[in-house]
Amino acid sequence: MLFNTLFLMGPPAQGEAAANPLVALLPWVLIFVVIYFFMIRPQNKKAKEQKAFRESIGKGDRIVTIGGVHGKIVETEETTVIIEVEGQNRLKIERSAISAENTAVAYPAAKK
């Protein structure tokens, strides 16, 4: 569209003002700015917060996995954690599978 505007329309007639091609781009720039501030930026911010949370969890924290499994962290490794679930069973899961911390919500006395 910009190509057509700039090259195929030809020069303006004498006495006719030339239209600025940047005016045609203004709506697209505004759309991108709105999408950035309402969609991309909040998503990046949330991803950074989630990454910081996953790195900060430690032994004794109660967590909920993405699949809905509730457990208590028994051991931590670089990319995995071992959680203890009901019945003293242990599961080894990836840190990226941890959704939320459940310590402060369900167990207020255990809050750090």
Protein backbone atom coordinates (compact mmCIF):
# COMPACT_ATOMS: atom_id res chain seq x y z
CA MET A 1 0.00 0.00 0.00
CA LEU A 2 2.82 2.38 0.83
CA PHE A 3 4.48 1.46 -2.47
CA ASN A 4 1.32 2.39 -4.34
CA THR A 5 0.98 5.64 -2.46
CA LEU A 6 4.53 6.76 -3.08
CA PHE A 7 5.33 5.60 -6.59
CA LEU A 8 2.27 4.74 -8.63
CA MET A 9 0.14 7.80 -7.94
CA GLY A 10 2.57 10.15 -9.57
CA PRO A 11 3.35 13.71 -8.64
CA PRO A 12 0.52 15.90 -7.36
CA ALA A 13 -1.14 18.26 -9.78
CA GLN A 14 -0.11 21.89 -9.71
CA GLY A 15 -2.01 23.59 -6.91
CA GLU A 16 -2.79 20.29 -5.15
CA ALA A 17 -0.96 19.69 -1.86
CA ALA A 18 1.14 16.54 -1.58
CA ALA A 19 -0.11 14.06 1.04
CA ASN A 20 2.47 13.04 3.61
CA PRO A 21 3.04 9.26 3.42
CA LEU A 22 3.78 9.17 7.15
CA VAL A 23 0.16 10.06 7.85
CA ALA A 24 -0.83 6.74 6.26
CA LEU A 25 1.53 4.90 8.63
CA LEU A 26 0.25 6.62 11.77
CA PRO A 27 -2.68 4.21 12.39
CA TRP A 28 -0.35 1.20 12.07
CA VAL A 29 2.12 2.71 14.50
CA LEU A 30 -0.67 3.43 16.98
CA ILE A 31 -2.00 -0.13 16.66
CA PHE A 32 1.47 -1.53 17.37
CA VAL A 33 1.91 0.74 20.41
CA VAL A 34 -1.45 -0.32 21.84
CA ILE A 35 -0.69 -4.01 21.25
CA TYR A 36 2.73 -3.61 22.87
CA PHE A 37 1.48 -1.90 26.03
CA PHE A 38 -1.64 -4.03 26.50
CA MET A 39 -0.40 -7.46 25.40
CA ILE A 40 3.34 -7.92 24.89
CA ARG A 41 4.70 -5.90 27.83
CA PRO A 42 2.43 -7.43 30.51
CA GLN A 43 3.14 -10.92 29.21
CA ASN A 44 6.91 -10.34 29.41
CA LYS A 45 6.55 -8.89 32.91
CA LYS A 46 4.54 -11.90 34.07
CA ALA A 47 7.09 -14.31 32.55
CA LYS A 48 9.94 -12.55 34.43
CA GLU A 49 8.00 -12.72 37.71
CA GLN A 50 7.24 -16.42 37.18
CA LYS A 51 10.91 -17.15 36.44
CA ALA A 52 12.02 -15.30 39.58
CA PHE A 53 9.44 -17.22 41.62
CA ARG A 54 10.62 -20.59 40.31
CA GLU A 55 14.22 -19.73 41.14
CA SER A 56 13.34 -18.55 44.65
CA ILE A 57 11.46 -21.61 45.88
CA GLY A 58 13.25 -23.84 48.31
CA LYS A 59 13.01 -26.77 50.65
CA GLY A 60 9.87 -26.78 52.79
CA ASP A 61 7.72 -24.65 50.47
CA ARG A 62 4.32 -26.01 49.57
CA ILE A 63 3.59 -25.71 45.87
CA VAL A 64 1.00 -26.49 43.22
CA THR A 65 2.10 -27.83 39.85
CA ILE A 66 0.63 -26.90 36.49
CA GLY A 67 -1.23 -30.23 36.55
CA GLY A 68 -2.80 -29.42 39.93
CA VAL A 69 -0.65 -31.67 42.12
CA HIS A 70 -0.14 -30.24 45.62
CA GLY A 71 3.04 -31.07 47.46
CA LYS A 72 5.89 -29.99 49.70
CA ILE A 73 9.41 -29.51 48.33
CA VAL A 74 11.82 -32.01 49.87
CA GLU A 75 14.90 -31.53 47.67
CA THR A 76 15.91 -29.01 45.04
CA GLU A 77 18.28 -29.38 42.13
CA GLU A 78 19.21 -27.02 39.33
CA THR A 79 16.31 -27.81 36.98
CA THR A 80 14.21 -30.24 39.02
CA VAL A 81 12.65 -30.53 42.45
CA ILE A 82 11.45 -33.50 44.44
CA ILE A 83 8.11 -32.98 46.09
CA GLU A 84 6.36 -35.06 48.71
CA VAL A 85 2.66 -35.60 48.12
CA GLU A 86 -0.02 -37.27 50.24
CA GLY A 87 0.91 -40.74 51.46
CA GLN A 88 4.62 -39.88 51.72
CA ASN A 89 5.06 -40.45 47.98
CA ARG A 90 7.76 -38.46 46.21
CA LEU A 91 7.65 -37.05 42.72
CA LYS A 92 10.50 -35.57 40.73
CA ILE A 93 9.26 -32.66 38.62
CA GLU A 94 10.77 -29.92 36.51
CA ARG A 95 10.90 -26.43 37.99
CA SER A 96 9.03 -25.16 34.94
CA ALA A 97 6.04 -27.31 35.96
CA ILE A 98 5.53 -25.37 39.21
CA SER A 99 2.58 -23.05 38.98
CA ALA A 100 2.18 -21.36 42.36
CA GLU A 101 3.28 -21.37 45.95
CA ASN A 102 0.67 -22.61 48.35
CA THR A 103 2.46 -22.03 51.68
CA ALA A 104 1.00 -18.67 52.65
CA VAL A 105 -2.52 -19.37 51.40
CA ALA A 106 -3.25 -22.81 52.83
CA TYR A 107 -0.83 -22.80 55.76
CA PRO A 108 -0.58 -19.28 57.26
CA ALA A 109 1.43 -20.49 60.26
CA ALA A 110 4.15 -21.83 57.94
CA LYS A 111 4.65 -18.48 56.20
CA LYS A 112 8.30 -17.41 56.02
